[in-house]
Amino acid sequence: MTTFRDIETSPLLNAYFCGVLPKAVSNVVGVQFRNVVTVGASVYAKYGFQI
């Protein structure tokens, strides 16, 4: 249930993964969309976002 925005702004993920995860989700549509979209729903529904 983690939103893409949480992944993008997490200092812990940024530190451990050298900024790769925040960069990967930052290109998805817009901030309002990233606030709503969750990782679990994207995987379950097989959504493929262009990065």
N, C-alpha and C. Protein backbone atom coordinates (compact mmCIF):
# COMPACT_ATOMS: atom_id res chain seq x y z
N MET A 1 0.82 -1.19 0.00
CA MET A 1 0.00 0.00 0.00
C MET A 1 0.87 1.26 0.00
N THR A 2 2.11 1.13 -0.33
CA THR A 2 3.00 2.29 -0.39
C THR A 2 2.76 3.05 -1.68
N THR A 3 2.59 4.36 -1.57
CA THR A 3 2.39 5.16 -2.77
C THR A 3 3.72 5.45 -3.45
N PHE A 4 3.63 5.76 -4.73
CA PHE A 4 4.83 6.11 -5.47
C PHE A 4 5.48 7.37 -4.88
N ARG A 5 4.67 8.28 -4.38
CA ARG A 5 5.20 9.51 -3.79
C ARG A 5 5.99 9.22 -2.52
N ASP A 6 5.53 8.24 -1.72
CA ASP A 6 6.28 7.85 -0.53
C ASP A 6 7.65 7.30 -0.90
N ILE A 7 7.69 6.53 -1.97
CA ILE A 7 8.97 5.98 -2.44
C ILE A 7 9.87 7.11 -2.94
N GLU A 8 9.27 8.05 -3.64
CA GLU A 8 10.04 9.16 -4.21
C GLU A 8 10.65 10.06 -3.14
N THR A 9 9.96 10.25 -2.03
CA THR A 9 10.41 11.20 -1.01
C THR A 9 11.06 10.55 0.21
N SER A 10 11.19 9.25 0.22
CA SER A 10 11.75 8.55 1.38
C SER A 10 13.27 8.75 1.47
N PRO A 11 13.75 9.36 2.55
CA PRO A 11 15.20 9.51 2.71
C PRO A 11 15.90 8.16 2.93
N LEU A 12 15.22 7.22 3.54
CA LEU A 12 15.80 5.90 3.79
C LEU A 12 16.05 5.16 2.47
N LEU A 13 15.04 5.13 1.59
CA LEU A 13 15.20 4.46 0.29
C LEU A 13 16.23 5.18 -0.57
N ASN A 14 16.25 6.50 -0.47
CA ASN A 14 17.22 7.27 -1.23
C ASN A 14 18.65 6.94 -0.79
N ALA A 15 18.84 6.78 0.50
CA ALA A 15 20.17 6.46 1.02
C ALA A 15 20.61 5.05 0.67
N TYR A 16 19.72 4.08 0.82
CA TYR A 16 20.09 2.68 0.60
C TYR A 16 20.21 2.29 -0.87
N PHE A 17 19.45 2.93 -1.72
CA PHE A 17 19.46 2.55 -3.13
C PHE A 17 20.07 3.63 -4.03
N CYS A 18 20.83 4.54 -3.43
CA CYS A 18 21.57 5.58 -4.16
C CYS A 18 20.69 6.40 -5.10
N GLY A 19 19.43 6.60 -4.72
CA GLY A 19 18.53 7.45 -5.50
C GLY A 19 17.89 6.79 -6.71
N VAL A 20 18.11 5.49 -6.90
CA VAL A 20 17.56 4.80 -8.08
C VAL A 20 16.03 4.71 -8.00
N LEU A 21 15.49 4.31 -6.86
CA LEU A 21 14.03 4.17 -6.74
C LEU A 21 13.30 5.51 -6.88
N PRO A 22 13.76 6.56 -6.21
CA PRO A 22 13.10 7.85 -6.42
C PRO A 22 13.14 8.32 -7.87
N LYS A 23 14.26 8.09 -8.55
CA LYS A 23 14.35 8.47 -9.97
C LYS A 23 13.39 7.66 -10.82
N ALA A 24 13.21 6.39 -10.49
CA ALA A 24 12.34 5.51 -11.28
C ALA A 24 10.88 5.94 -11.21
N VAL A 25 10.42 6.39 -10.07
CA VAL A 25 9.01 6.76 -9.96
C VAL A 25 8.76 8.24 -10.23
N SER A 26 9.79 9.06 -10.27
CA SER A 26 9.59 10.50 -10.46
C SER A 26 9.08 10.84 -11.85
N ASN A 27 9.28 9.96 -12.83
CA ASN A 27 8.83 10.22 -14.19
C ASN A 27 7.38 9.80 -14.44
N VAL A 28 6.73 9.20 -13.48
CA VAL A 28 5.34 8.76 -13.63
C VAL A 28 4.43 9.98 -13.51
N VAL A 29 3.71 10.27 -14.57
CA VAL A 29 2.74 11.35 -14.78
C VAL A 29 2.97 12.61 -13.96
N GLY A 30 2.41 12.73 -12.76
CA GLY A 30 2.52 13.94 -11.96
C GLY A 30 2.42 13.63 -10.48
N VAL A 31 2.68 14.63 -9.66
CA VAL A 31 2.69 14.44 -8.21
C VAL A 31 1.32 13.99 -7.70
N GLN A 32 0.25 14.58 -8.20
CA GLN A 32 -1.08 14.20 -7.75
C GLN A 32 -1.36 12.73 -8.03
N PHE A 33 -0.93 12.24 -9.17
CA PHE A 33 -1.12 10.84 -9.53
C PHE A 33 -0.26 9.95 -8.64
N ARG A 34 0.99 10.34 -8.41
CA ARG A 34 1.89 9.54 -7.57
C ARG A 34 1.43 9.48 -6.12
N ASN A 35 0.65 10.47 -5.67
CA ASN A 35 0.10 10.45 -4.32
C ASN A 35 -0.98 9.39 -4.16
N VAL A 36 -1.58 8.94 -5.24
CA VAL A 36 -2.69 8.00 -5.19
C VAL A 36 -2.27 6.58 -5.58
N VAL A 37 -1.39 6.46 -6.56
CA VAL A 37 -1.00 5.15 -7.09
C VAL A 37 -0.14 4.40 -6.08
N THR A 38 -0.48 3.14 -5.83
CA THR A 38 0.30 2.32 -4.91
C THR A 38 1.08 1.26 -5.68
N VAL A 39 2.15 0.82 -5.09
CA VAL A 39 2.99 -0.19 -5.71
C VAL A 39 2.22 -1.51 -5.86
N GLY A 40 1.51 -1.91 -4.83
CA GLY A 40 0.76 -3.17 -4.86
C GLY A 40 -0.29 -3.19 -5.95
N ALA A 41 -1.02 -2.12 -6.10
CA ALA A 41 -2.06 -2.05 -7.13
C ALA A 41 -1.46 -2.06 -8.53
N SER A 42 -0.32 -1.41 -8.69
CA SER A 42 0.33 -1.38 -10.00
C SER A 42 0.83 -2.76 -10.41
N VAL A 43 1.37 -3.49 -9.46
CA VAL A 43 1.85 -4.84 -9.74
C VAL A 43 0.68 -5.78 -9.99
N TYR A 44 -0.35 -5.70 -9.17
CA TYR A 44 -1.51 -6.59 -9.31
C TYR A 44 -2.22 -6.36 -10.64
N ALA A 45 -2.38 -5.10 -11.02
CA ALA A 45 -3.10 -4.79 -12.26
C ALA A 45 -2.20 -4.83 -13.49
N LYS A 46 -0.92 -5.10 -13.28
CA LYS A 46 0.08 -5.22 -14.36
C LYS A 46 0.21 -3.92 -15.17
N TYR A 47 0.18 -2.78 -14.48
CA TYR A 47 0.39 -1.50 -15.16
C TYR A 47 1.86 -1.34 -15.47
N GLY A 48 2.18 -0.94 -16.67
CA GLY A 48 3.56 -0.67 -17.04
C GLY A 48 3.72 0.79 -17.35
N PHE A 49 4.36 1.52 -16.47
CA PHE A 49 4.58 2.94 -16.70
C PHE A 49 5.87 3.12 -17.47
N GLN A 50 5.85 4.02 -18.43
CA GLN A 50 7.05 4.32 -19.20
C GLN A 50 8.00 5.14 -18.36
N ILE A 51 9.22 4.70 -18.28
CA ILE A 51 10.23 5.43 -17.51
C ILE A 51 11.31 5.90 -18.45
